[in-house]
Amino acid sequence: MKVLMLHGINHNMFGKRDPKQYGTITLAQIDEKLVALGKELGTEVESFQTNHEGEMVERIHKGYFDGVDAVLINAGAWTHYSYGIRDALAILTCPVIEVHMSNIHAREAFRHHSCFAEIVRGQICGIGVDAYLMALRAAVSATQS
């Protein structure tokens, strides 16, 4: 089983960016935790991060052609306005789980809306790095049901 973890814009700055919202964990540490949990669950986790919207769309397309079993996505700010990424995700036939470390519903008003909400299996937010781990468990479960 293969799960694709998609990290969006500014996530390469985790550990430095707004520690009140995101803590001090780095993107590399998040990915390490996902890979370790993936091994426990018998799942390979591949991570991809970009600050370029078109690259994100192209990686989603590649995931489709590669036949990934599930996708986890934290698109960052793109969550709230990128219909291009939303349309790319809608092409996928596997479960997609939306992830956010911060509680997007308790933040600025523009963050309350997700362009992806209608097409994802579910959303997990507001519990820090554990949101990623819960999303991976949910994705594995969704592929087995």
C-alpha atoms as a PDB file:
ATOM      1  CA  MET A   1       0.000   0.000   0.000  1.00  0.00           C
ATOM      2  CA  LYS A   2       1.232   3.478  -0.894  1.00  0.00           C
ATOM      3  CA  VAL A   3       0.055   6.782   0.606  1.00  0.00           C
ATOM      4  CA  LEU A   4       1.035  10.127  -0.870  1.00  0.00           C
ATOM      5  CA  MET A   5       1.467  13.019   1.597  1.00  0.00           C
ATOM      6  CA  LEU A   6       1.159  16.405  -0.084  1.00  0.00           C
ATOM      7  CA  HIS A   7       2.508  19.436   1.779  1.00  0.00           C
ATOM      8  CA  GLY A   8       1.619  22.855   0.442  1.00  0.00           C
ATOM      9  CA  ILE A   9       2.850  26.374   0.391  1.00  0.00           C
ATOM     10  CA  ASN A  10       5.154  27.566   3.209  1.00  0.00           C
ATOM     11  CA  HIS A  11       5.331  24.153   4.860  1.00  0.00           C
ATOM     12  CA  ASN A  12       9.063  24.035   4.253  1.00  0.00           C
ATOM     13  CA  MET A  13       9.137  26.752   6.955  1.00  0.00           C
ATOM     14  CA  PHE A  14       7.534  24.633   9.699  1.00  0.00           C
ATOM     15  CA  GLY A  15       9.673  24.957  12.807  1.00  0.00           C
ATOM     16  CA  LYS A  16      10.298  28.619  12.051  1.00  0.00           C
ATOM     17  CA  ARG A  17       6.869  29.882  11.001  1.00  0.00           C
ATOM     18  CA  ASP A  18       4.361  31.024  13.636  1.00  0.00           C
ATOM     19  CA  PRO A  19       5.187  28.570  16.435  1.00  0.00           C
ATOM     20  CA  LYS A  20       1.972  29.562  18.262  1.00  0.00           C
ATOM     21  CA  GLN A  21      -0.084  27.941  15.467  1.00  0.00           C
ATOM     22  CA  TYR A  22       2.298  25.259  14.226  1.00  0.00           C
ATOM     23  CA  GLY A  23       4.683  24.510  17.078  1.00  0.00           C
ATOM     24  CA  THR A  24       8.382  23.992  16.485  1.00  0.00           C
ATOM     25  CA  ILE A  25       8.237  20.676  14.614  1.00  0.00           C
ATOM     26  CA  THR A  26       9.880  20.738  11.197  1.00  0.00           C
ATOM     27  CA  LEU A  27       8.567  19.285   7.969  1.00  0.00           C
ATOM     28  CA  ALA A  28      11.321  16.659   8.036  1.00  0.00           C
ATOM     29  CA  GLN A  29      10.223  15.594  11.528  1.00  0.00           C
ATOM     30  CA  ILE A  30       6.586  15.340  10.424  1.00  0.00           C
ATOM     31  CA  ASP A  31       7.620  13.181   7.485  1.00  0.00           C
ATOM     32  CA  GLU A  32       9.773  10.974   9.750  1.00  0.00           C
ATOM     33  CA  LYS A  33       6.778  10.364  12.025  1.00  0.00           C
ATOM     34  CA  LEU A  34       4.582   9.497   9.028  1.00  0.00           C
ATOM     35  CA  VAL A  35       7.138   7.056   7.614  1.00  0.00           C
ATOM     36  CA  ALA A  36       7.547   5.374  11.022  1.00  0.00           C
ATOM     37  CA  LEU A  37       3.788   5.001  11.491  1.00  0.00           C
ATOM     38  CA  GLY A  38       3.453   3.844   7.895  1.00  0.00           C
ATOM     39  CA  LYS A  39       5.900   1.013   8.601  1.00  0.00           C
ATOM     40  CA  GLU A  40       3.828  -0.030  11.618  1.00  0.00           C
ATOM     41  CA  LEU A  41       0.722  -0.051   9.422  1.00  0.00           C
ATOM     42  CA  GLY A  42       2.385  -1.829   6.498  1.00  0.00           C
ATOM     43  CA  THR A  43       2.162   1.280   4.343  1.00  0.00           C
ATOM     44  CA  GLU A  44       4.746   3.177   2.337  1.00  0.00           C
ATOM     45  CA  VAL A  45       4.438   6.940   2.762  1.00  0.00           C
ATOM     46  CA  GLU A  46       5.891   9.263   0.139  1.00  0.00           C
ATOM     47  CA  SER A  47       5.967  12.988   0.895  1.00  0.00           C
ATOM     48  CA  PHE A  48       6.040  15.912  -1.509  1.00  0.00           C
ATOM     49  CA  GLN A  49       6.226  19.628  -0.712  1.00  0.00           C
ATOM     50  CA  THR A  50       6.078  22.592  -3.045  1.00  0.00           C
ATOM     51  CA  ASN A  51       5.480  26.313  -2.949  1.00  0.00           C
ATOM     52  CA  HIS A  52       4.270  26.264  -6.558  1.00  0.00           C
ATOM     53  CA  GLU A  53       0.606  25.536  -7.266  1.00  0.00           C
ATOM     54  CA  GLY A  54       1.180  24.064 -10.718  1.00  0.00           C
ATOM     55  CA  GLU A  55       3.754  21.618  -9.322  1.00  0.00           C
ATOM     56  CA  MET A  56       1.192  20.495  -6.746  1.00  0.00           C
ATOM     57  CA  VAL A  57      -1.373  19.855  -9.485  1.00  0.00           C
ATOM     58  CA  GLU A  58       1.187  17.912 -11.517  1.00  0.00           C
ATOM     59  CA  ARG A  59       2.120  15.783  -8.483  1.00  0.00           C
ATOM     60  CA  ILE A  60      -1.558  14.978  -7.898  1.00  0.00           C
ATOM     61  CA  HIS A  61      -1.855  13.918 -11.551  1.00  0.00           C
ATOM     62  CA  LYS A  62       1.235  11.710 -11.142  1.00  0.00           C
ATOM     63  CA  GLY A  63      -0.366  10.148  -8.070  1.00  0.00           C
ATOM     64  CA  TYR A  64      -3.374   9.257 -10.193  1.00  0.00           C
ATOM     65  CA  PHE A  65      -1.229   7.589 -12.866  1.00  0.00           C
ATOM     66  CA  ASP A  66       0.924   5.860 -10.218  1.00  0.00           C
ATOM     67  CA  GLY A  67      -2.233   4.402  -8.653  1.00  0.00           C
ATOM     68  CA  VAL A  68      -1.578   5.571  -5.103  1.00  0.00           C
ATOM     69  CA  ASP A  69      -3.905   4.003  -2.561  1.00  0.00           C
ATOM     70  CA  ALA A  70      -4.640   7.202  -0.620  1.00  0.00           C
ATOM     71  CA  VAL A  71      -3.656  10.864  -0.439  1.00  0.00           C
ATOM     72  CA  LEU A  72      -3.166  13.075   2.587  1.00  0.00           C
ATOM     73  CA  ILE A  73      -3.069  16.788   1.843  1.00  0.00           C
ATOM     74  CA  ASN A  74      -2.242  19.861   3.851  1.00  0.00           C
ATOM     75  CA  ALA A  75      -2.317  22.465   1.114  1.00  0.00           C
ATOM     76  CA  GLY A  76      -1.865  25.372   3.512  1.00  0.00           C
ATOM     77  CA  ALA A  77      -3.400  28.595   2.242  1.00  0.00           C
ATOM     78  CA  TRP A  78      -4.278  26.931  -1.078  1.00  0.00           C
ATOM     79  CA  THR A  79      -6.989  25.055   0.826  1.00  0.00           C
ATOM     80  CA  HIS A  80      -9.025  28.229   0.951  1.00  0.00           C
ATOM     81  CA  TYR A  81      -8.851  29.390  -2.653  1.00  0.00           C
ATOM     82  CA  SER A  82      -7.294  26.906  -5.083  1.00  0.00           C
ATOM     83  CA  TYR A  83      -9.976  25.441  -7.268  1.00  0.00           C
ATOM     84  CA  GLY A  84      -7.193  24.179  -9.536  1.00  0.00           C
ATOM     85  CA  ILE A  85      -5.895  21.889  -6.781  1.00  0.00           C
ATOM     86  CA  ARG A  86      -9.466  20.972  -5.867  1.00  0.00           C
ATOM     87  CA  ASP A  87     -10.190  19.902  -9.439  1.00  0.00           C
ATOM     88  CA  ALA A  88      -6.974  17.867  -9.574  1.00  0.00           C
ATOM     89  CA  LEU A  89      -7.892  16.103  -6.317  1.00  0.00           C
ATOM     90  CA  ALA A  90     -11.353  15.344  -7.732  1.00  0.00           C
ATOM     91  CA  ILE A  91      -9.701  13.261 -10.462  1.00  0.00           C
ATOM     92  CA  LEU A  92      -8.365  10.823  -7.869  1.00  0.00           C
ATOM     93  CA  THR A  93     -10.312   7.632  -7.256  1.00  0.00           C
ATOM     94  CA  CYS A  94      -8.653   6.892  -3.894  1.00  0.00           C
ATOM     95  CA  PRO A  95      -9.506   8.316  -0.458  1.00  0.00           C
ATOM     96  CA  VAL A  96      -8.228  11.843   0.187  1.00  0.00           C
ATOM     97  CA  ILE A  97      -7.873  13.191   3.724  1.00  0.00           C
ATOM     98  CA  GLU A  98      -7.411  16.926   4.359  1.00  0.00           C
ATOM     99  CA  VAL A  99      -5.047  17.760   7.234  1.00  0.00           C
ATOM    100  CA  HIS A 100      -4.237  20.944   9.153  1.00  0.00           C
ATOM    101  CA  MET A 101      -2.128  21.262  12.295  1.00  0.00           C
ATOM    102  CA  SER A 102      -4.013  24.361  13.437  1.00  0.00           C
ATOM    103  CA  ASN A 103      -7.764  24.621  13.918  1.00  0.00           C
ATOM    104  CA  ILE A 104      -8.701  26.431  10.712  1.00  0.00           C
ATOM    105  CA  HIS A 105     -12.210  27.035  12.049  1.00  0.00           C
ATOM    106  CA  ALA A 106     -10.912  29.028  15.020  1.00  0.00           C
ATOM    107  CA  ARG A 107      -8.634  31.272  12.972  1.00  0.00           C
ATOM    108  CA  GLU A 108      -9.133  34.114  10.503  1.00  0.00           C
ATOM    109  CA  ALA A 109     -12.461  34.035   8.663  1.00  0.00           C
ATOM    110  CA  PHE A 110     -10.893  33.271   5.274  1.00  0.00           C
ATOM    111  CA  ARG A 111      -9.464  30.032   6.705  1.00  0.00           C
ATOM    112  CA  HIS A 112     -12.907  28.696   7.669  1.00  0.00           C
ATOM    113  CA  HIS A 113     -13.682  27.720   4.053  1.00  0.00           C
ATOM    114  CA  SER A 114     -12.090  24.706   2.359  1.00  0.00           C
ATOM    115  CA  CYS A 115     -12.357  24.353  -1.408  1.00  0.00           C
ATOM    116  CA  PHE A 116     -11.653  20.644  -0.876  1.00  0.00           C
ATOM    117  CA  ALA A 117     -14.326  19.861   1.735  1.00  0.00           C
ATOM    118  CA  GLU A 118     -16.883  18.554  -0.755  1.00  0.00           C
ATOM    119  CA  ILE A 119     -14.519  16.037  -2.329  1.00  0.00           C
ATOM    120  CA  VAL A 120     -12.346  14.742   0.513  1.00  0.00           C
ATOM    121  CA  ARG A 121     -13.172  11.735   2.680  1.00  0.00           C
ATOM    122  CA  GLY A 122     -12.649  13.869   5.784  1.00  0.00           C
ATOM    123  CA  GLN A 123     -10.789  16.683   7.494  1.00  0.00           C
ATOM    124  CA  ILE A 124      -8.585  16.512  10.570  1.00  0.00           C
ATOM    125  CA  CYS A 125      -7.435  19.766  12.114  1.00  0.00           C
ATOM    126  CA  GLY A 126      -6.392  21.515  15.275  1.00  0.00           C
ATOM    127  CA  ILE A 127      -4.324  18.880  17.023  1.00  0.00           C
ATOM    128  CA  GLY A 128      -0.816  19.617  15.786  1.00  0.00           C
ATOM    129  CA  VAL A 129       1.330  16.899  14.314  1.00  0.00           C
ATOM    130  CA  ASP A 130      -1.109  14.249  15.569  1.00  0.00           C
ATOM    131  CA  ALA A 131      -3.480  15.409  12.816  1.00  0.00           C
ATOM    132  CA  TYR A 132      -1.097  13.898  10.257  1.00  0.00           C
ATOM    133  CA  LEU A 133      -0.868  10.609  12.137  1.00  0.00           C
ATOM    134  CA  MET A 134      -4.637  10.375  12.554  1.00  0.00           C
ATOM    135  CA  ALA A 135      -5.046  11.141   8.846  1.00  0.00           C
ATOM    136  CA  LEU A 136      -2.684   8.328   7.917  1.00  0.00           C
ATOM    137  CA  ARG A 137      -4.619   5.887  10.116  1.00  0.00           C
ATOM    138  CA  ALA A 138      -7.893   7.093   8.569  1.00  0.00           C
ATOM    139  CA  ALA A 139      -6.521   6.684   5.045  1.00  0.00           C
ATOM    140  CA  VAL A 140      -5.334   3.137   5.712  1.00  0.00           C
ATOM    141  CA  SER A 141      -8.685   2.276   7.272  1.00  0.00           C
ATOM    142  CA  ALA A 142     -10.573   3.785   4.320  1.00  0.00           C
ATOM    143  CA  THR A 143      -8.682   1.612   1.847  1.00  0.00           C
ATOM    144  CA  GLN A 144      -9.468  -1.534   3.832  1.00  0.00           C
ATOM    145  CA  SER A 145     -13.223  -0.962   4.080  1.00  0.00           C
END
